[in-house]
Amino acid sequence: MQMKGKFVKEVLIMCGTAILFKDQDVTIIENIGKDIFNDLKQQCGCSHCTCKLENKIVDFGHVSPVYWHEDDIDWDYGY
């Protein structure tokens, strides 16, 4: 018996929420990939922390620190 077909390699991208602190401000970025968060984390403390969101380069300026939260934030509960 000969089997024919396509094998598709699926890639699971972990999404979550990035929490960026800048002076007295907090920026929440929901539903981003861990790879984008890692790029932001590497730029932590730089004068221009940038990433590509929705096909646009966004400059958050100087942010420090940066945190990761898996999944979305439950705004009714607080996290």
C-alpha atoms as a PDB file:
ATOM      1  CA  MET A   1       0.000   0.000   0.000  1.00  0.00           C
ATOM      2  CA  GLN A   2       1.395   3.354  -1.019  1.00  0.00           C
ATOM      3  CA  MET A   3       0.388   6.520   0.873  1.00  0.00           C
ATOM      4  CA  LYS A   4       0.326   9.915  -0.735  1.00  0.00           C
ATOM      5  CA  GLY A   5      -0.185  13.223   0.974  1.00  0.00           C
ATOM      6  CA  LYS A   6       1.353  16.380   2.269  1.00  0.00           C
ATOM      7  CA  PHE A   7       3.009  16.739   5.586  1.00  0.00           C
ATOM      8  CA  VAL A   8       2.678  20.195   7.062  1.00  0.00           C
ATOM      9  CA  LYS A   9       4.963  21.317   9.802  1.00  0.00           C
ATOM     10  CA  GLU A  10       3.014  23.421  12.281  1.00  0.00           C
ATOM     11  CA  VAL A  11       4.764  26.092  14.260  1.00  0.00           C
ATOM     12  CA  LEU A  12       3.263  27.116  17.569  1.00  0.00           C
ATOM     13  CA  ILE A  13       3.969  30.744  18.418  1.00  0.00           C
ATOM     14  CA  MET A  14       3.500  31.594  22.073  1.00  0.00           C
ATOM     15  CA  CYS A  15       1.560  34.821  22.484  1.00  0.00           C
ATOM     16  CA  GLY A  16       1.222  36.893  25.583  1.00  0.00           C
ATOM     17  CA  THR A  17       1.341  40.399  26.969  1.00  0.00           C
ATOM     18  CA  ALA A  18       4.367  42.674  27.269  1.00  0.00           C
ATOM     19  CA  ILE A  19       4.422  45.221  30.083  1.00  0.00           C
ATOM     20  CA  LEU A  20       6.769  48.163  29.507  1.00  0.00           C
ATOM     21  CA  PHE A  21       7.633  50.751  32.152  1.00  0.00           C
ATOM     22  CA  LYS A  22       8.752  54.273  31.212  1.00  0.00           C
ATOM     23  CA  ASP A  23       9.161  56.763  34.035  1.00  0.00           C
ATOM     24  CA  GLN A  24       5.646  57.043  35.512  1.00  0.00           C
ATOM     25  CA  ASP A  25       3.903  55.422  32.494  1.00  0.00           C
ATOM     26  CA  VAL A  26       3.070  51.789  31.810  1.00  0.00           C
ATOM     27  CA  THR A  27       2.488  50.463  28.291  1.00  0.00           C
ATOM     28  CA  ILE A  28       0.652  47.165  27.788  1.00  0.00           C
ATOM     29  CA  ILE A  29       1.024  45.321  24.478  1.00  0.00           C
ATOM     30  CA  GLU A  30      -1.357  42.367  24.240  1.00  0.00           C
ATOM     31  CA  ASN A  31      -1.260  39.377  21.918  1.00  0.00           C
ATOM     32  CA  ILE A  32       2.362  39.614  20.811  1.00  0.00           C
ATOM     33  CA  GLY A  33       4.762  36.792  20.129  1.00  0.00           C
ATOM     34  CA  LYS A  34       7.503  35.853  22.559  1.00  0.00           C
ATOM     35  CA  ASP A  35      10.049  36.692  19.841  1.00  0.00           C
ATOM     36  CA  ILE A  36       8.878  40.327  19.733  1.00  0.00           C
ATOM     37  CA  PHE A  37       9.037  40.474  23.539  1.00  0.00           C
ATOM     38  CA  ASN A  38      12.600  39.128  23.484  1.00  0.00           C
ATOM     39  CA  ASP A  39      13.556  41.876  21.003  1.00  0.00           C
ATOM     40  CA  LEU A  40      12.035  44.491  23.335  1.00  0.00           C
ATOM     41  CA  LYS A  41      13.799  42.985  26.343  1.00  0.00           C
ATOM     42  CA  GLN A  42      17.175  43.158  24.590  1.00  0.00           C
ATOM     43  CA  GLN A  43      16.591  46.867  23.946  1.00  0.00           C
ATOM     44  CA  CYS A  44      15.601  47.557  27.549  1.00  0.00           C
ATOM     45  CA  GLY A  45      17.484  50.626  28.770  1.00  0.00           C
ATOM     46  CA  CYS A  46      18.277  51.876  25.241  1.00  0.00           C
ATOM     47  CA  SER A  47      17.145  55.344  24.228  1.00  0.00           C
ATOM     48  CA  HIS A  48      14.916  53.955  21.433  1.00  0.00           C
ATOM     49  CA  CYS A  49      13.125  50.691  22.172  1.00  0.00           C
ATOM     50  CA  THR A  50      11.425  49.712  18.891  1.00  0.00           C
ATOM     51  CA  CYS A  51       9.458  46.808  17.455  1.00  0.00           C
ATOM     52  CA  LYS A  52       7.246  46.057  14.483  1.00  0.00           C
ATOM     53  CA  LEU A  53       3.522  45.909  15.305  1.00  0.00           C
ATOM     54  CA  GLU A  54       0.843  45.575  12.618  1.00  0.00           C
ATOM     55  CA  ASN A  55       3.450  46.225   9.890  1.00  0.00           C
ATOM     56  CA  LYS A  56       4.555  49.512  11.497  1.00  0.00           C
ATOM     57  CA  ILE A  57       7.728  50.308  13.415  1.00  0.00           C
ATOM     58  CA  VAL A  58       6.785  51.627  16.861  1.00  0.00           C
ATOM     59  CA  ASP A  59       9.295  53.559  18.981  1.00  0.00           C
ATOM     60  CA  PHE A  60       8.530  53.361  22.712  1.00  0.00           C
ATOM     61  CA  GLY A  61      11.521  55.477  23.653  1.00  0.00           C
ATOM     62  CA  HIS A  62      13.500  54.558  26.786  1.00  0.00           C
ATOM     63  CA  VAL A  63      11.769  51.742  28.684  1.00  0.00           C
ATOM     64  CA  SER A  64      12.986  49.837  31.712  1.00  0.00           C
ATOM     65  CA  PRO A  65      12.085  47.268  32.925  1.00  0.00           C
ATOM     66  CA  VAL A  66      10.054  45.034  30.588  1.00  0.00           C
ATOM     67  CA  TYR A  67       7.947  42.083  31.766  1.00  0.00           C
ATOM     68  CA  TRP A  68       6.158  39.148  30.105  1.00  0.00           C
ATOM     69  CA  HIS A  69       2.730  37.764  31.033  1.00  0.00           C
ATOM     70  CA  GLU A  70       1.454  34.693  29.200  1.00  0.00           C
ATOM     71  CA  ASP A  71      -1.961  35.088  27.603  1.00  0.00           C
ATOM     72  CA  ASP A  72      -4.054  38.241  27.903  1.00  0.00           C
ATOM     73  CA  ILE A  73      -4.606  40.298  31.020  1.00  0.00           C
ATOM     74  CA  ASP A  74      -7.949  39.814  32.741  1.00  0.00           C
ATOM     75  CA  TRP A  75      -8.852  43.481  33.161  1.00  0.00           C
ATOM     76  CA  ASP A  76     -11.755  42.638  35.494  1.00  0.00           C
ATOM     77  CA  TYR A  77      -9.395  40.837  37.875  1.00  0.00           C
ATOM     78  CA  GLY A  78      -6.284  42.899  37.275  1.00  0.00           C
ATOM     79  CA  TYR A  79      -3.864  40.374  35.752  1.00  0.00           C
END
